Amino acid sequence: MATLKKGAKSPNFKALDQHGKEHQLSDYAGRKLVIYFYPKDNTPGCTTQACNLRDHESELQQNGISVLGVSPDSGTSHQKFTDKYQLNFPLLIDTEKEIIQAFGVWGPKKFMGKSYDGVNRTTFIIGEEGNILEVIEKVDTKNHTQQILDLLK
């Protein structure tokens, strides 16, 4: 469960993407930003979610929305994931989990009866002024773009 809520100020962040380009919150001032947190590159749910966002990039752009993905994977992993699925948006490298923890999406999870700590799949929609407009904790990986656009109507 994310600790940041709708209406809160977005944490500032600075990180490199899979191409070595630096991104920070201020780069997106005046635009809406979807920053989505996912557990791991090349896993079924994460791939479905990323490909849904890839396939609907033009709809997101028409609505003034930029997309950033964040996971604790390495730049090499992100690059392979991007190349394999022709992803058209940056994936931020957060191996130290600084951004993940700033957004409050690291915590207890369960999988196949085992409990462990990991990234809780969560999407934040950040407004032009840097405030969180929406938090999606129950992500529909197959229809994620529509889920985002419906919240902004």
N, C-alpha and C. Protein backbone atom coordinates (compact mmCIF):
# COMPACT_ATOMS: atom_id res chain seq x y z
N MET A 1 0.84 -1.18 0.00
CA MET A 1 0.00 0.00 0.00
C MET A 1 0.89 1.25 0.00
N ALA A 2 0.63 2.16 -0.91
CA ALA A 2 1.43 3.38 -1.03
C ALA A 2 1.18 4.30 0.16
N THR A 3 2.24 4.97 0.61
CA THR A 3 2.08 5.89 1.73
C THR A 3 1.70 7.29 1.25
N LEU A 4 2.04 7.62 0.00
CA LEU A 4 1.65 8.93 -0.54
C LEU A 4 0.21 8.86 -1.04
N LYS A 5 -0.52 9.92 -0.81
CA LYS A 5 -1.93 9.94 -1.18
C LYS A 5 -2.23 11.07 -2.15
N LYS A 6 -3.39 11.00 -2.77
CA LYS A 6 -3.89 12.02 -3.67
C LYS A 6 -3.84 13.38 -2.97
N GLY A 7 -3.34 14.39 -3.67
CA GLY A 7 -3.26 15.74 -3.12
C GLY A 7 -1.90 16.08 -2.53
N ALA A 8 -1.10 15.06 -2.21
CA ALA A 8 0.24 15.31 -1.64
C ALA A 8 1.17 15.85 -2.72
N LYS A 9 2.21 16.51 -2.28
CA LYS A 9 3.26 16.97 -3.19
C LYS A 9 4.10 15.77 -3.58
N SER A 10 4.42 15.64 -4.86
CA SER A 10 5.26 14.54 -5.31
C SER A 10 6.68 14.70 -4.77
N PRO A 11 7.29 13.60 -4.34
CA PRO A 11 8.70 13.68 -3.97
C PRO A 11 9.53 14.08 -5.20
N ASN A 12 10.57 14.85 -4.95
CA ASN A 12 11.49 15.15 -6.02
C ASN A 12 12.32 13.90 -6.25
N PHE A 13 12.76 13.67 -7.45
CA PHE A 13 13.60 12.51 -7.73
C PHE A 13 14.58 12.87 -8.83
N LYS A 14 15.65 12.12 -8.89
CA LYS A 14 16.64 12.27 -9.94
C LYS A 14 17.24 10.89 -10.17
N ALA A 15 17.19 10.42 -11.40
CA ALA A 15 17.72 9.09 -11.71
C ALA A 15 18.03 9.00 -13.20
N LEU A 16 18.87 8.04 -13.53
CA LEU A 16 19.20 7.75 -14.93
C LEU A 16 18.22 6.72 -15.47
N ASP A 17 17.99 6.81 -16.79
CA ASP A 17 17.15 5.80 -17.44
C ASP A 17 18.04 4.76 -18.13
N GLN A 18 17.41 3.87 -18.88
CA GLN A 18 18.11 2.77 -19.54
C GLN A 18 19.09 3.25 -20.61
N HIS A 19 18.99 4.52 -21.02
CA HIS A 19 19.89 5.08 -22.04
C HIS A 19 20.95 5.98 -21.40
N GLY A 20 20.97 6.08 -20.07
CA GLY A 20 21.93 6.92 -19.38
C GLY A 20 21.52 8.38 -19.29
N LYS A 21 20.27 8.69 -19.65
CA LYS A 21 19.76 10.06 -19.58
C LYS A 21 19.17 10.31 -18.19
N GLU A 22 19.48 11.49 -17.63
CA GLU A 22 18.97 11.83 -16.30
C GLU A 22 17.56 12.40 -16.40
N HIS A 23 16.72 12.01 -15.45
CA HIS A 23 15.35 12.51 -15.34
C HIS A 23 15.14 13.00 -13.92
N GLN A 24 14.41 14.10 -13.77
CA GLN A 24 14.00 14.58 -12.46
C GLN A 24 12.61 15.19 -12.59
N LEU A 25 11.96 15.33 -11.45
CA LEU A 25 10.58 15.81 -11.45
C LEU A 25 10.44 17.14 -12.19
N SER A 26 11.37 18.05 -12.00
CA SER A 26 11.26 19.38 -12.63
C SER A 26 11.28 19.32 -14.15
N ASP A 27 11.81 18.24 -14.73
CA ASP A 27 11.80 18.09 -16.20
C ASP A 27 10.37 18.01 -16.74
N TYR A 28 9.42 17.66 -15.89
CA TYR A 28 8.04 17.43 -16.32
C TYR A 28 7.08 18.52 -15.87
N ALA A 29 7.62 19.62 -15.36
CA ALA A 29 6.78 20.75 -14.92
C ALA A 29 5.94 21.22 -16.11
N GLY A 30 4.66 21.48 -15.85
CA GLY A 30 3.76 21.93 -16.91
C GLY A 30 3.13 20.80 -17.71
N ARG A 31 3.46 19.57 -17.39
CA ARG A 31 2.86 18.38 -18.03
C ARG A 31 2.38 17.44 -16.94
N LYS A 32 1.48 16.57 -17.30
CA LYS A 32 1.10 15.50 -16.39
C LYS A 32 2.15 14.40 -16.55
N LEU A 33 2.42 13.73 -15.44
CA LEU A 33 3.40 12.65 -15.45
C LEU A 33 2.78 11.42 -14.81
N VAL A 34 2.87 10.31 -15.50
CA VAL A 34 2.52 9.01 -14.93
C VAL A 34 3.85 8.37 -14.56
N ILE A 35 4.04 8.13 -13.27
CA ILE A 35 5.22 7.41 -12.81
C ILE A 35 4.71 6.11 -12.21
N TYR A 36 5.08 5.02 -12.87
CA TYR A 36 4.55 3.74 -12.40
C TYR A 36 5.69 2.87 -11.87
N PHE A 37 5.40 2.22 -10.76
CA PHE A 37 6.36 1.36 -10.09
C PHE A 37 5.96 -0.09 -10.32
N TYR A 38 6.93 -0.89 -10.72
CA TYR A 38 6.66 -2.29 -11.01
C TYR A 38 7.78 -3.16 -10.44
N PRO A 39 7.47 -4.41 -10.12
CA PRO A 39 8.45 -5.25 -9.43
C PRO A 39 9.69 -5.65 -10.22
N LYS A 40 9.52 -6.09 -11.49
CA LYS A 40 10.68 -6.68 -12.17
C LYS A 40 10.50 -6.71 -13.68
N ASP A 41 11.57 -6.36 -14.38
CA ASP A 41 11.58 -6.45 -15.84
C ASP A 41 11.34 -7.89 -16.29
N ASN A 42 10.69 -8.03 -17.44
CA ASN A 42 10.51 -9.32 -18.11
C ASN A 42 9.70 -10.34 -17.33
N THR A 43 8.83 -9.89 -16.45
CA THR A 43 7.91 -10.81 -15.79
C THR A 43 6.54 -10.60 -16.43
N PRO A 44 5.65 -11.58 -16.36
CA PRO A 44 4.40 -11.49 -17.13
C PRO A 44 3.57 -10.23 -16.88
N GLY A 45 3.26 -9.91 -15.62
CA GLY A 45 2.43 -8.74 -15.33
C GLY A 45 3.12 -7.43 -15.71
N CYS A 46 4.41 -7.36 -15.44
CA CYS A 46 5.17 -6.14 -15.74
C CYS A 46 5.28 -5.93 -17.24
N THR A 47 5.44 -7.02 -17.98
CA THR A 47 5.52 -6.92 -19.44
C THR A 47 4.17 -6.49 -20.01
N THR A 48 3.09 -7.07 -19.53
CA THR A 48 1.75 -6.70 -20.00
C THR A 48 1.49 -5.22 -19.75
N GLN A 49 1.83 -4.74 -18.56
CA GLN A 49 1.61 -3.34 -18.21
C GLN A 49 2.45 -2.42 -19.11
N ALA A 50 3.73 -2.72 -19.26
CA ALA A 50 4.61 -1.88 -20.08
C ALA A 50 4.15 -1.84 -21.53
N CYS A 51 3.74 -3.00 -22.07
CA CYS A 51 3.30 -3.05 -23.46
C CYS A 51 1.98 -2.30 -23.66
N ASN A 52 1.11 -2.32 -22.66
CA ASN A 52 -0.14 -1.55 -22.75
C ASN A 52 0.18 -0.07 -22.84
N LEU A 53 1.08 0.41 -22.00
CA LEU A 53 1.47 1.82 -22.04
C LEU A 53 2.17 2.15 -23.36
N ARG A 54 3.02 1.26 -23.84
CA ARG A 54 3.70 1.44 -25.13
C ARG A 54 2.69 1.58 -26.27
N ASP A 55 1.71 0.69 -26.29
CA ASP A 55 0.75 0.65 -27.39
C ASP A 55 -0.19 1.84 -27.42
N HIS A 56 -0.31 2.54 -26.30
CA HIS A 56 -1.23 3.68 -26.22
C HIS A 56 -0.51 5.00 -25.97
N GLU A 57 0.77 5.05 -26.37
CA GLU A 57 1.57 6.25 -26.16
C GLU A 57 0.92 7.49 -26.78
N SER A 58 0.37 7.35 -27.99
CA SER A 58 -0.20 8.53 -28.66
C SER A 58 -1.40 9.08 -27.88
N GLU A 59 -2.22 8.21 -27.31
CA GLU A 59 -3.37 8.67 -26.51
C GLU A 59 -2.89 9.42 -25.27
N LEU A 60 -1.86 8.90 -24.64
CA LEU A 60 -1.31 9.55 -23.45
C LEU A 60 -0.73 10.91 -23.83
N GLN A 61 0.04 10.95 -24.91
CA GLN A 61 0.64 12.21 -25.36
C GLN A 61 -0.42 13.24 -25.73
N GLN A 62 -1.50 12.79 -26.38
CA GLN A 62 -2.59 13.71 -26.74
C GLN A 62 -3.22 14.33 -25.51
N ASN A 63 -3.12 13.65 -24.38
CA ASN A 63 -3.67 14.16 -23.12
C ASN A 63 -2.59 14.85 -22.28
N GLY A 64 -1.43 15.14 -22.90
CA GLY A 64 -0.36 15.85 -22.21
C GLY A 64 0.31 15.05 -21.11
N ILE A 65 0.38 13.73 -21.29
CA ILE A 65 0.90 12.84 -20.24
C ILE A 65 2.22 12.20 -20.70
N SER A 66 3.25 12.35 -19.87
CA SER A 66 4.51 11.64 -20.06
C SER A 66 4.51 10.43 -19.14
N VAL A 67 5.30 9.41 -19.48
CA VAL A 67 5.34 8.18 -18.69
C VAL A 67 6.78 7.86 -18.29
N LEU A 68 6.94 7.47 -17.03
CA LEU A 68 8.20 6.94 -16.51
C LEU A 68 7.90 5.65 -15.76
N GLY A 69 8.68 4.61 -16.01
CA GLY A 69 8.59 3.39 -15.24
C GLY A 69 9.74 3.32 -14.26
N VAL A 70 9.52 2.72 -13.10
CA VAL A 70 10.57 2.60 -12.08
C VAL A 70 10.52 1.19 -11.48
N SER A 71 11.69 0.56 -11.43
CA SER A 71 11.83 -0.71 -10.71
C SER A 71 13.25 -0.76 -10.15
N PRO A 72 13.51 -1.71 -9.27
CA PRO A 72 14.87 -1.80 -8.71
C PRO A 72 15.86 -2.52 -9.64
N ASP A 73 15.47 -2.79 -10.88
CA ASP A 73 16.36 -3.48 -11.81
C ASP A 73 17.50 -2.57 -12.28
N SER A 74 18.53 -3.18 -12.81
CA SER A 74 19.71 -2.46 -13.30
C SER A 74 19.45 -1.82 -14.66
N GLY A 75 20.35 -0.95 -15.07
CA GLY A 75 20.27 -0.33 -16.39
C GLY A 75 20.35 -1.37 -17.50
N THR A 76 21.19 -2.39 -17.31
CA THR A 76 21.32 -3.46 -18.31
C THR A 76 20.01 -4.21 -18.45
N SER A 77 19.38 -4.53 -17.34
CA SER A 77 18.09 -5.22 -17.36
C SER A 77 17.03 -4.36 -18.06
N HIS A 78 16.98 -3.06 -17.69
CA HIS A 78 16.02 -2.15 -18.33
C HIS A 78 16.26 -2.06 -19.84
N GLN A 79 17.53 -2.02 -20.25
CA GLN A 79 17.84 -1.90 -21.69
C GLN A 79 17.38 -3.15 -22.43
N LYS A 80 17.62 -4.32 -21.87
CA LYS A 80 17.18 -5.58 -22.51
C LYS A 80 15.65 -5.62 -22.59
N PHE A 81 14.98 -5.21 -21.53
CA PHE A 81 13.51 -5.17 -21.49
C PHE A 81 12.98 -4.22 -22.56
N THR A 82 13.60 -3.04 -22.64
CA THR A 82 13.21 -2.03 -23.63
C THR A 82 13.41 -2.56 -25.05
N ASP A 83 14.56 -3.15 -25.30
CA ASP A 83 14.87 -3.66 -26.65
C ASP A 83 13.94 -4.80 -27.03
N LYS A 84 13.70 -5.71 -26.11
CA LYS A 84 12.87 -6.89 -26.39
C LYS A 84 11.43 -6.49 -26.75
N TYR A 85 10.90 -5.46 -26.07
CA TYR A 85 9.50 -5.09 -26.28
C TYR A 85 9.33 -3.72 -26.94
N GLN A 86 10.42 -3.16 -27.45
CA GLN A 86 10.38 -1.84 -28.11
C GLN A 86 9.62 -0.81 -27.28
N LEU A 87 9.97 -0.71 -26.03
CA LEU A 87 9.32 0.26 -25.15
C LEU A 87 9.72 1.67 -25.56
N ASN A 88 8.77 2.59 -25.51
CA ASN A 88 8.98 3.95 -26.03
C ASN A 88 8.94 5.01 -24.93
N PHE A 89 9.32 4.62 -23.73
CA PHE A 89 9.35 5.56 -22.61
C PHE A 89 10.50 5.16 -21.68
N PRO A 90 10.98 6.10 -20.87
CA PRO A 90 12.11 5.82 -19.99
C PRO A 90 11.75 4.89 -18.82
N LEU A 91 12.70 4.04 -18.48
CA LEU A 91 12.63 3.21 -17.28
C LEU A 91 13.76 3.67 -16.37
N LEU A 92 13.40 4.20 -15.21
CA LEU A 92 14.40 4.74 -14.30
C LEU A 92 15.07 3.63 -13.49
N ILE A 93 16.37 3.76 -13.34
CA ILE A 93 17.18 2.81 -12.59
C ILE A 93 17.12 3.23 -11.12
N ASP A 94 16.62 2.34 -10.27
CA ASP A 94 16.51 2.64 -8.84
C ASP A 94 16.99 1.44 -8.02
N THR A 95 18.21 0.99 -8.30
CA THR A 95 18.75 -0.19 -7.61
C THR A 95 18.88 0.04 -6.11
N GLU A 96 19.05 1.29 -5.70
CA GLU A 96 19.16 1.61 -4.26
C GLU A 96 17.78 1.85 -3.63
N LYS A 97 16.74 1.80 -4.43
CA LYS A 97 15.34 1.95 -3.99
C LYS A 97 15.04 3.31 -3.36
N GLU A 98 15.77 4.34 -3.77
CA GLU A 98 15.54 5.67 -3.21
C GLU A 98 14.20 6.25 -3.65
N ILE A 99 13.89 6.15 -4.94
CA ILE A 99 12.62 6.68 -5.46
C ILE A 99 11.47 5.79 -4.97
N ILE A 100 11.69 4.50 -5.02
CA ILE A 100 10.68 3.53 -4.57
C ILE A 100 10.28 3.81 -3.12
N GLN A 101 11.27 4.08 -2.27
CA GLN A 101 10.97 4.35 -0.87
C GLN A 101 10.38 5.75 -0.69
N ALA A 102 10.84 6.72 -1.48
CA ALA A 102 10.28 8.08 -1.38
C ALA A 102 8.78 8.08 -1.70
N PHE A 103 8.37 7.23 -2.63
CA PHE A 103 6.95 7.15 -2.99
C PHE A 103 6.19 6.15 -2.12
N GLY A 104 6.90 5.44 -1.24
CA GLY A 104 6.25 4.55 -0.28
C GLY A 104 5.67 3.29 -0.87
N VAL A 105 6.33 2.74 -1.91
CA VAL A 105 5.77 1.55 -2.55
C VAL A 105 6.60 0.28 -2.26
N TRP A 106 7.57 0.36 -1.37
CA TRP A 106 8.34 -0.81 -0.95
C TRP A 106 7.71 -1.34 0.33
N GLY A 107 7.43 -2.63 0.36
CA GLY A 107 6.84 -3.17 1.57
C GLY A 107 6.50 -4.63 1.45
N PRO A 108 5.73 -5.13 2.42
CA PRO A 108 5.41 -6.55 2.46
C PRO A 108 4.53 -6.99 1.29
N LYS A 109 4.84 -8.17 0.79
CA LYS A 109 4.08 -8.79 -0.30
C LYS A 109 3.96 -10.28 0.00
N LYS A 110 3.05 -10.91 -0.70
CA LYS A 110 2.92 -12.36 -0.61
C LYS A 110 2.85 -12.92 -2.02
N PHE A 111 3.54 -14.04 -2.22
CA PHE A 111 3.49 -14.73 -3.51
C PHE A 111 3.63 -16.21 -3.24
N MET A 112 2.67 -16.98 -3.69
CA MET A 112 2.66 -18.42 -3.53
C MET A 112 2.88 -18.82 -2.06
N GLY A 113 2.21 -18.10 -1.16
CA GLY A 113 2.26 -18.43 0.26
C GLY A 113 3.48 -17.92 1.01
N LYS A 114 4.40 -17.27 0.29
CA LYS A 114 5.59 -16.75 0.95
C LYS A 114 5.48 -15.24 1.11
N SER A 115 5.91 -14.75 2.27
CA SER A 115 5.93 -13.31 2.53
C SER A 115 7.34 -12.78 2.33
N TYR A 116 7.44 -11.60 1.74
CA TYR A 116 8.74 -10.97 1.50
C TYR A 116 8.50 -9.48 1.25
N ASP A 117 9.57 -8.70 1.25
CA ASP A 117 9.46 -7.28 0.92
C ASP A 117 9.78 -7.08 -0.55
N GLY A 118 9.03 -6.18 -1.18
CA GLY A 118 9.25 -5.90 -2.59
C GLY A 118 8.48 -4.66 -3.01
N VAL A 119 8.51 -4.40 -4.32
CA VAL A 119 7.80 -3.25 -4.88
C VAL A 119 6.33 -3.62 -5.04
N ASN A 120 5.47 -2.81 -4.47
CA ASN A 120 4.04 -2.97 -4.66
C ASN A 120 3.65 -2.18 -5.92
N ARG A 121 3.13 -2.89 -6.91
CA ARG A 121 2.77 -2.26 -8.19
C ARG A 121 1.80 -1.10 -7.93
N THR A 122 2.26 0.09 -8.26
CA THR A 122 1.48 1.30 -7.98
C THR A 122 1.78 2.34 -9.06
N THR A 123 0.77 3.10 -9.44
CA THR A 123 0.94 4.18 -10.40
C THR A 123 0.49 5.49 -9.77
N PHE A 124 1.31 6.52 -9.97
CA PHE A 124 0.99 7.86 -9.51
C PHE A 124 0.80 8.75 -10.74
N ILE A 125 -0.27 9.52 -10.73
CA ILE A 125 -0.49 10.53 -11.77
C ILE A 125 -0.18 11.87 -11.11
N ILE A 126 0.84 12.54 -11.63
CA ILE A 126 1.30 13.80 -11.06
C ILE A 126 0.87 14.93 -11.99
N GLY A 127 0.30 15.97 -11.40
CA GLY A 127 -0.19 17.10 -12.17
C GLY A 127 0.91 18.06 -12.57
N GLU A 128 0.54 19.05 -13.37
CA GLU A 128 1.45 20.04 -13.93
C GLU A 128 2.22 20.81 -12.85
N GLU A 129 1.64 20.93 -11.66
CA GLU A 129 2.26 21.70 -10.57
C GLU A 129 3.05 20.80 -9.62
N GLY A 130 3.10 19.50 -9.88
CA GLY A 130 3.87 18.59 -9.04
C GLY A 130 3.09 17.94 -7.90
N ASN A 131 1.76 18.09 -7.92
CA ASN A 131 0.93 17.43 -6.91
C ASN A 131 0.40 16.11 -7.43
N ILE A 132 0.20 15.16 -6.54
CA ILE A 132 -0.33 13.86 -6.94
C ILE A 132 -1.83 13.99 -7.18
N LEU A 133 -2.23 13.74 -8.43
CA LEU A 133 -3.65 13.84 -8.80
C LEU A 133 -4.39 12.55 -8.47
N GLU A 134 -3.73 11.42 -8.67
CA GLU A 134 -4.36 10.11 -8.44
C GLU A 134 -3.28 9.09 -8.07
N VAL A 135 -3.69 8.09 -7.30
CA VAL A 135 -2.84 6.95 -6.95
C VAL A 135 -3.61 5.70 -7.33
N ILE A 136 -3.02 4.86 -8.16
CA ILE A 136 -3.66 3.61 -8.57
C ILE A 136 -2.90 2.47 -7.90
N GLU A 137 -3.56 1.83 -6.94
CA GLU A 137 -2.94 0.70 -6.25
C GLU A 137 -3.44 -0.64 -6.78
N LYS A 138 -4.61 -0.64 -7.37
CA LYS A 138 -5.13 -1.87 -7.99
C LYS A 138 -4.98 -1.70 -9.51
N VAL A 139 -3.77 -1.94 -9.97
CA VAL A 139 -3.44 -1.72 -11.38
C VAL A 139 -3.99 -2.85 -12.23
N ASP A 140 -4.69 -2.47 -13.29
CA ASP A 140 -5.17 -3.41 -14.30
C ASP A 140 -4.11 -3.42 -15.40
N THR A 141 -3.20 -4.39 -15.36
CA THR A 141 -2.05 -4.38 -16.27
C THR A 141 -2.46 -4.43 -17.74
N LYS A 142 -3.56 -5.10 -18.04
CA LYS A 142 -4.00 -5.23 -19.44
C LYS A 142 -4.66 -3.97 -19.97
N ASN A 143 -5.21 -3.16 -19.10
CA ASN A 143 -5.95 -1.96 -19.50
C ASN A 143 -5.47 -0.72 -18.75
N HIS A 144 -4.17 -0.66 -18.50
CA HIS A 144 -3.66 0.39 -17.63
C HIS A 144 -3.84 1.79 -18.21
N THR A 145 -3.61 1.95 -19.49
CA THR A 145 -3.78 3.27 -20.10
C THR A 145 -5.21 3.77 -19.92
N GLN A 146 -6.18 2.92 -20.18
CA GLN A 146 -7.59 3.32 -20.03
C GLN A 146 -7.90 3.66 -18.58
N GLN A 147 -7.33 2.89 -17.67
CA GLN A 147 -7.50 3.14 -16.24
C GLN A 147 -7.00 4.55 -15.90
N ILE A 148 -5.86 4.93 -16.43
CA ILE A 148 -5.28 6.26 -16.22
C ILE A 148 -6.19 7.34 -16.82
N LEU A 149 -6.54 7.16 -18.08
CA LEU A 149 -7.34 8.18 -18.78
C LEU A 149 -8.71 8.36 -18.13
N ASP A 150 -9.31 7.27 -17.65
CA ASP A 150 -10.63 7.36 -16.99
C ASP A 150 -10.55 8.21 -15.72
N LEU A 151 -9.44 8.12 -15.00
CA LEU A 151 -9.30 8.90 -13.77
C LEU A 151 -9.11 10.39 -14.04
N LEU A 152 -8.68 10.74 -15.24
CA LEU A 152 -8.41 12.13 -15.57
C LEU A 152 -9.58 12.82 -16.26
N LYS A 153 -10.68 12.11 -16.44
CA LYS A 153 -11.85 12.70 -17.10
C LYS A 153 -12.53 13.69 -16.20
